[in-house]
C-alpha atoms as a PDB file:
ATOM      1  CA  MET A   1     -12.248 -14.741  -1.484  1.00  0.00           C
ATOM      2  CA  ASN A   2      -9.302 -17.074  -1.151  1.00  0.00           C
ATOM      3  CA  PHE A   3      -5.798 -16.128  -2.239  1.00  0.00           C
ATOM      4  CA  PRO A   4      -3.231 -18.872  -2.862  1.00  0.00           C
ATOM      5  CA  ASP A   5      -0.343 -16.480  -2.180  1.00  0.00           C
ATOM      6  CA  GLU A   6      -1.682 -15.439   1.270  1.00  0.00           C
ATOM      7  CA  PRO A   7       0.998 -17.444   3.179  1.00  0.00           C
ATOM      8  CA  GLU A   8       3.702 -15.334   1.479  1.00  0.00           C
ATOM      9  CA  PHE A   9       2.530 -12.267   3.455  1.00  0.00           C
ATOM     10  CA  PRO A  10       3.898 -12.025   7.009  1.00  0.00           C
ATOM     11  CA  LEU A  11       1.175 -11.410   9.563  1.00  0.00           C
ATOM     12  CA  PHE A  12       1.000  -8.019  11.315  1.00  0.00           C
ATOM     13  CA  GLY A  13      -1.429  -8.504  14.196  1.00  0.00           C
ATOM     14  CA  ALA A  14      -4.404 -10.745  14.843  1.00  0.00           C
ATOM     15  CA  TRP A  15      -6.034 -12.714  12.031  1.00  0.00           C
ATOM     16  CA  GLU A  16      -9.000 -14.177  13.922  1.00  0.00           C
ATOM     17  CA  ASP A  17     -12.537 -13.387  12.757  1.00  0.00           C
ATOM     18  CA  ALA A  18     -11.374 -12.018   9.408  1.00  0.00           C
ATOM     19  CA  GLY A  19     -14.198 -10.693   7.269  1.00  0.00           C
ATOM     20  CA  PRO A  20     -14.932 -11.731   3.690  1.00  0.00           C
ATOM     21  CA  GLY A  21     -13.635  -8.519   2.061  1.00  0.00           C
ATOM     22  CA  ALA A  22     -10.052  -7.866   1.035  1.00  0.00           C
ATOM     23  CA  GLY A  23      -7.849  -4.939   0.073  1.00  0.00           C
ATOM     24  CA  ALA A  24      -4.463  -4.703  -1.611  1.00  0.00           C
ATOM     25  CA  MET A  25      -1.981  -1.856  -1.361  1.00  0.00           C
ATOM     26  CA  ILE A  26       1.542  -0.943  -2.389  1.00  0.00           C
ATOM     27  CA  PHE A  27       4.362   0.554  -0.357  1.00  0.00           C
ATOM     28  CA  ALA A  28       6.347   2.199  -3.163  1.00  0.00           C
ATOM     29  CA  VAL A  29       9.865   3.229  -2.107  1.00  0.00           C
ATOM     30  CA  ASP A  30      11.825   5.684  -4.245  1.00  0.00           C
ATOM     31  CA  ALA A  31      15.592   5.917  -4.885  1.00  0.00           C
ATOM     32  CA  GLU A  32      15.975   8.185  -1.831  1.00  0.00           C
ATOM     33  CA  ALA A  33      14.355   5.551   0.439  1.00  0.00           C
ATOM     34  CA  ARG A  34      11.152   7.576   0.795  1.00  0.00           C
ATOM     35  CA  VAL A  35       7.736   5.913   0.844  1.00  0.00           C
ATOM     36  CA  LEU A  36       4.935   7.177  -1.388  1.00  0.00           C
ATOM     37  CA  MET A  37       1.844   7.681   0.776  1.00  0.00           C
ATOM     38  CA  GLN A  38      -1.709   8.859   0.117  1.00  0.00           C
ATOM     39  CA  LEU A  39      -3.638  11.282   2.301  1.00  0.00           C
ATOM     40  CA  ARG A  40      -7.046   9.615   2.470  1.00  0.00           C
ATOM     41  CA  ASP A  41     -10.107  11.767   1.829  1.00  0.00           C
ATOM     42  CA  ASP A  42     -11.619  12.893   5.129  1.00  0.00           C
ATOM     43  CA  ARG A  43     -15.065  11.322   4.703  1.00  0.00           C
ATOM     44  CA  PRO A  44     -16.688   9.318   7.515  1.00  0.00           C
ATOM     45  CA  HIS A  45     -17.594   6.326   5.313  1.00  0.00           C
ATOM     46  CA  LEU A  46     -13.990   5.793   4.155  1.00  0.00           C
ATOM     47  CA  SER A  47     -11.553   3.499   5.879  1.00  0.00           C
ATOM     48  CA  GLY A  48      -8.600   5.519   7.171  1.00  0.00           C
ATOM     49  CA  ALA A  49     -10.363   8.829   6.472  1.00  0.00           C
ATOM     50  CA  GLY A  50      -8.044  11.800   7.003  1.00  0.00           C
ATOM     51  CA  PHE A  51      -5.011   9.597   7.619  1.00  0.00           C
ATOM     52  CA  TRP A  52      -1.938   8.652   5.582  1.00  0.00           C
ATOM     53  CA  ALA A  53      -1.753   5.182   4.011  1.00  0.00           C
ATOM     54  CA  PRO A  54      -0.119   3.418   1.075  1.00  0.00           C
ATOM     55  CA  PHE A  55      -2.067   3.592  -2.181  1.00  0.00           C
ATOM     56  CA  GLY A  56      -4.527   0.721  -2.588  1.00  0.00           C
ATOM     57  CA  GLY A  57      -8.105  -0.415  -2.232  1.00  0.00           C
ATOM     58  CA  GLY A  58     -10.583  -3.235  -2.503  1.00  0.00           C
ATOM     59  CA  VAL A  59     -10.001  -6.510  -4.312  1.00  0.00           C
ATOM     60  CA  GLU A  60     -12.783  -7.115  -6.823  1.00  0.00           C
ATOM     61  CA  ALA A  61     -14.338 -10.528  -7.509  1.00  0.00           C
ATOM     62  CA  GLY A  62     -12.087 -12.633  -9.726  1.00  0.00           C
ATOM     63  CA  GLU A  63      -8.967 -10.504  -9.138  1.00  0.00           C
ATOM     64  CA  THR A  64      -5.702 -11.738  -7.698  1.00  0.00           C
ATOM     65  CA  LEU A  65      -4.033  -9.644  -5.015  1.00  0.00           C
ATOM     66  CA  ARG A  66      -1.414  -8.420  -7.499  1.00  0.00           C
ATOM     67  CA  GLU A  67      -4.054  -7.509 -10.080  1.00  0.00           C
ATOM     68  CA  ALA A  68      -5.999  -5.521  -7.494  1.00  0.00           C
ATOM     69  CA  ALA A  69      -2.893  -3.737  -6.197  1.00  0.00           C
ATOM     70  CA  VAL A  70      -1.768  -2.752  -9.707  1.00  0.00           C
ATOM     71  CA  ARG A  71      -5.291  -1.601 -10.674  1.00  0.00           C
ATOM     72  CA  GLU A  72      -5.764   0.446  -7.520  1.00  0.00           C
ATOM     73  CA  PHE A  73      -2.289   1.991  -7.829  1.00  0.00           C
ATOM     74  CA  TRP A  74      -3.063   3.034 -11.407  1.00  0.00           C
ATOM     75  CA  GLU A  75      -6.502   4.415 -10.488  1.00  0.00           C
ATOM     76  CA  GLU A  76      -5.033   6.461  -7.649  1.00  0.00           C
ATOM     77  CA  THR A  77      -1.680   7.580  -9.135  1.00  0.00           C
ATOM     78  CA  GLY A  78      -1.946   7.221 -12.908  1.00  0.00           C
ATOM     79  CA  ILE A  79       1.076   4.886 -12.844  1.00  0.00           C
ATOM     80  CA  THR A  80       0.879   1.375 -14.252  1.00  0.00           C
ATOM     81  CA  LEU A  81       3.221  -1.143 -12.663  1.00  0.00           C
ATOM     82  CA  ALA A  82       4.044  -4.657 -13.806  1.00  0.00           C
ATOM     83  CA  GLN A  83       2.771  -7.289 -11.374  1.00  0.00           C
ATOM     84  CA  ASP A  84       6.144  -9.008 -11.163  1.00  0.00           C
ATOM     85  CA  VAL A  85       7.786  -6.011  -9.418  1.00  0.00           C
ATOM     86  CA  LEU A  86       5.564  -6.428  -6.350  1.00  0.00           C
ATOM     87  CA  ARG A  87       6.845  -8.355  -3.338  1.00  0.00           C
ATOM     88  CA  PRO A  88       4.558  -9.467  -0.468  1.00  0.00           C
ATOM     89  CA  PHE A  89       5.236  -7.276   2.574  1.00  0.00           C
ATOM     90  CA  GLY A  90       2.552  -8.098   5.127  1.00  0.00           C
ATOM     91  CA  ARG A  91      -1.105  -8.619   5.974  1.00  0.00           C
ATOM     92  CA  CYS A  92      -3.417  -7.368   8.672  1.00  0.00           C
ATOM     93  CA  LEU A  93      -7.097  -6.857   9.369  1.00  0.00           C
ATOM     94  CA  SER A  94      -9.021  -3.642   8.946  1.00  0.00           C
ATOM     95  CA  THR A  95      -9.886  -1.874  12.188  1.00  0.00           C
ATOM     96  CA  ARG A  96     -13.415  -1.293  10.887  1.00  0.00           C
ATOM     97  CA  ARG A  97     -16.309  -3.611  11.738  1.00  0.00           C
ATOM     98  CA  SER A  98     -15.871  -5.403   8.397  1.00  0.00           C
ATOM     99  CA  ARG A  99     -12.454  -6.764   9.522  1.00  0.00           C
ATOM    100  CA  ALA A 100     -11.444  -6.898   5.853  1.00  0.00           C
ATOM    101  CA  ARG A 101      -8.181  -8.669   5.103  1.00  0.00           C
ATOM    102  CA  LEU A 102      -5.528  -6.174   3.978  1.00  0.00           C
ATOM    103  CA  TYR A 103      -2.490  -7.257   1.963  1.00  0.00           C
ATOM    104  CA  ALA A 104       0.497  -4.975   1.440  1.00  0.00           C
ATOM    105  CA  PHE A 105       3.148  -5.250  -1.256  1.00  0.00           C
ATOM    106  CA  VAL A 106       6.450  -3.409  -1.489  1.00  0.00           C
ATOM    107  CA  THR A 107       8.288  -2.264  -4.593  1.00  0.00           C
ATOM    108  CA  ARG A 108      10.988   0.189  -5.579  1.00  0.00           C
ATOM    109  CA  LEU A 109       9.609   2.965  -7.750  1.00  0.00           C
ATOM    110  CA  ASP A 110      11.655   5.128 -10.103  1.00  0.00           C
ATOM    111  CA  VAL A 111       9.311   8.087 -10.580  1.00  0.00           C
ATOM    112  CA  THR A 112       9.291  11.787  -9.752  1.00  0.00           C
ATOM    113  CA  PRO A 113       6.390  13.506  -7.983  1.00  0.00           C
ATOM    114  CA  ASP A 114       5.377  15.383 -11.143  1.00  0.00           C
ATOM    115  CA  ALA A 115       4.559  12.044 -12.828  1.00  0.00           C
ATOM    116  CA  ILE A 116       1.860  11.244 -10.258  1.00  0.00           C
ATOM    117  CA  ARG A 117      -1.741  12.094 -11.152  1.00  0.00           C
ATOM    118  CA  VAL A 118      -3.874  11.712  -8.042  1.00  0.00           C
ATOM    119  CA  GLY A 119      -7.157  10.055  -9.000  1.00  0.00           C
ATOM    120  CA  GLU A 120      -8.376   9.470  -5.440  1.00  0.00           C
ATOM    121  CA  GLY A 121      -7.504  10.918  -2.064  1.00  0.00           C
ATOM    122  CA  ALA A 122      -6.715  14.394  -0.825  1.00  0.00           C
ATOM    123  CA  GLY A 123      -3.050  14.286  -1.821  1.00  0.00           C
ATOM    124  CA  PHE A 124       0.218  12.403  -1.699  1.00  0.00           C
ATOM    125  CA  ALA A 125       3.745  12.768  -0.372  1.00  0.00           C
ATOM    126  CA  PHE A 126       7.039  10.906  -0.246  1.00  0.00           C
ATOM    127  CA  TYR A 127       8.019  10.340   3.403  1.00  0.00           C
ATOM    128  CA  THR A 128      11.327   9.354   4.963  1.00  0.00           C
ATOM    129  CA  ALA A 129      11.393   6.676   7.643  1.00  0.00           C
ATOM    130  CA  ARG A 130      11.637   9.370  10.348  1.00  0.00           C
ATOM    131  CA  GLN A 131       8.670  11.248   8.889  1.00  0.00           C
ATOM    132  CA  LEU A 132       6.564   8.051   8.751  1.00  0.00           C
ATOM    133  CA  ARG A 133       6.880   7.902  12.548  1.00  0.00           C
ATOM    134  CA  LEU A 134       5.457  11.429  12.887  1.00  0.00           C
ATOM    135  CA  ILE A 135       2.461  11.546  10.544  1.00  0.00           C
ATOM    136  CA  PRO A 136      -1.081  10.363  11.378  1.00  0.00           C
ATOM    137  CA  LEU A 137      -1.212   6.863   9.899  1.00  0.00           C
ATOM    138  CA  ALA A 138      -4.355   4.919   8.993  1.00  0.00           C
ATOM    139  CA  PRO A 139      -4.963   2.786  12.110  1.00  0.00           C
ATOM    140  CA  ALA A 140      -5.193  -0.560  10.311  1.00  0.00           C
ATOM    141  CA  LEU A 141      -1.907   0.015   8.493  1.00  0.00           C
ATOM    142  CA  ALA A 142       0.046   1.842  11.188  1.00  0.00           C
ATOM    143  CA  HIS A 143       1.973  -1.273  12.243  1.00  0.00           C
ATOM    144  CA  ALA A 144       2.899  -2.116   8.639  1.00  0.00           C
ATOM    145  CA  SER A 145       3.900   1.504   7.951  1.00  0.00           C
ATOM    146  CA  LEU A 146       6.107   1.639  11.040  1.00  0.00           C
ATOM    147  CA  ARG A 147       7.644  -1.725  10.117  1.00  0.00           C
ATOM    148  CA  MET A 148       8.417  -0.226   6.690  1.00  0.00           C
ATOM    149  CA  ALA A 149      10.171   2.710   8.422  1.00  0.00           C
ATOM    150  CA  GLU A 150      12.226   0.283  10.527  1.00  0.00           C
ATOM    151  CA  LEU A 151      13.318  -1.715   7.472  1.00  0.00           C
ATOM    152  CA  ILE A 152      14.307   1.445   5.610  1.00  0.00           C
ATOM    153  CA  GLU A 153      16.338   2.692   8.582  1.00  0.00           C
ATOM    154  CA  THR A 154      18.227  -0.607   8.811  1.00  0.00           C
ATOM    155  CA  ASP A 155      18.569  -0.940   5.027  1.00  0.00           C
ATOM    156  CA  ALA A 156      16.705  -4.251   5.227  1.00  0.00           C
ATOM    157  CA  LEU A 157      13.827  -3.841   2.777  1.00  0.00           C
ATOM    158  CA  PRO A 158      12.630  -7.081   1.201  1.00  0.00           C
ATOM    159  CA  GLU A 159      14.313  -7.641  -2.117  1.00  0.00           C
ATOM    160  CA  ALA A 160      12.287  -5.719  -4.666  1.00  0.00           C
ATOM    161  CA  GLN A 161      13.149  -5.054  -8.257  1.00  0.00           C
ATOM    162  CA  GLY A 162      13.346  -1.491  -9.418  1.00  0.00           C
ATOM    163  CA  ALA A 163       9.908  -0.727 -10.771  1.00  0.00           C
ATOM    164  CA  VAL A 164       9.999   1.422 -13.814  1.00  0.00           C
ATOM    165  CA  PRO A 165       6.437   2.466 -14.594  1.00  0.00           C
ATOM    166  CA  VAL A 166       4.971   0.591 -17.539  1.00  0.00           C
ATOM    167  CA  ALA A 167       2.843   3.602 -18.413  1.00  0.00           C
ATOM    168  CA  LEU A 168       1.919   6.988 -17.054  1.00  0.00           C
ATOM    169  CA  ARG A 169      -1.550   8.484 -17.405  1.00  0.00           C
ATOM    170  CA  ASP A 170      -1.701  11.985 -18.903  1.00  0.00           C
END
């Protein structure tokens, strides 16, 4: 899979020997500068099992990175976002043998916890920058998550439009 917008994503770590697979995720930041994170199911076959990570998942054949991120976010939270509210945040490689290419977006999200309907994962939470430094983060995304905490603390998040959900799943 090739993605024309790949150069827009700053690189977090090595990019050599990248595998053919790809994943897209969203760092959603609320009005209180907290990041919405997913507690990954604790199953051995899952990437990041038992750790905290932004919501996201695999890019399917024929999908753009934005399409995959929006689809995965909806599947896992019940919230539909418009693609144009996503800003490239960074890219890294999976720590698994597949070395899948992982692409992270950032957006502002105007939603309360009661609007979230977890479709995958063991749970979710909104974390402050300080809390992000204390929780067990998915190894592949730890650097990106800690960079997110740093940008929140310095009030230097990439410009991201306020994302009002397009639709919420009942």
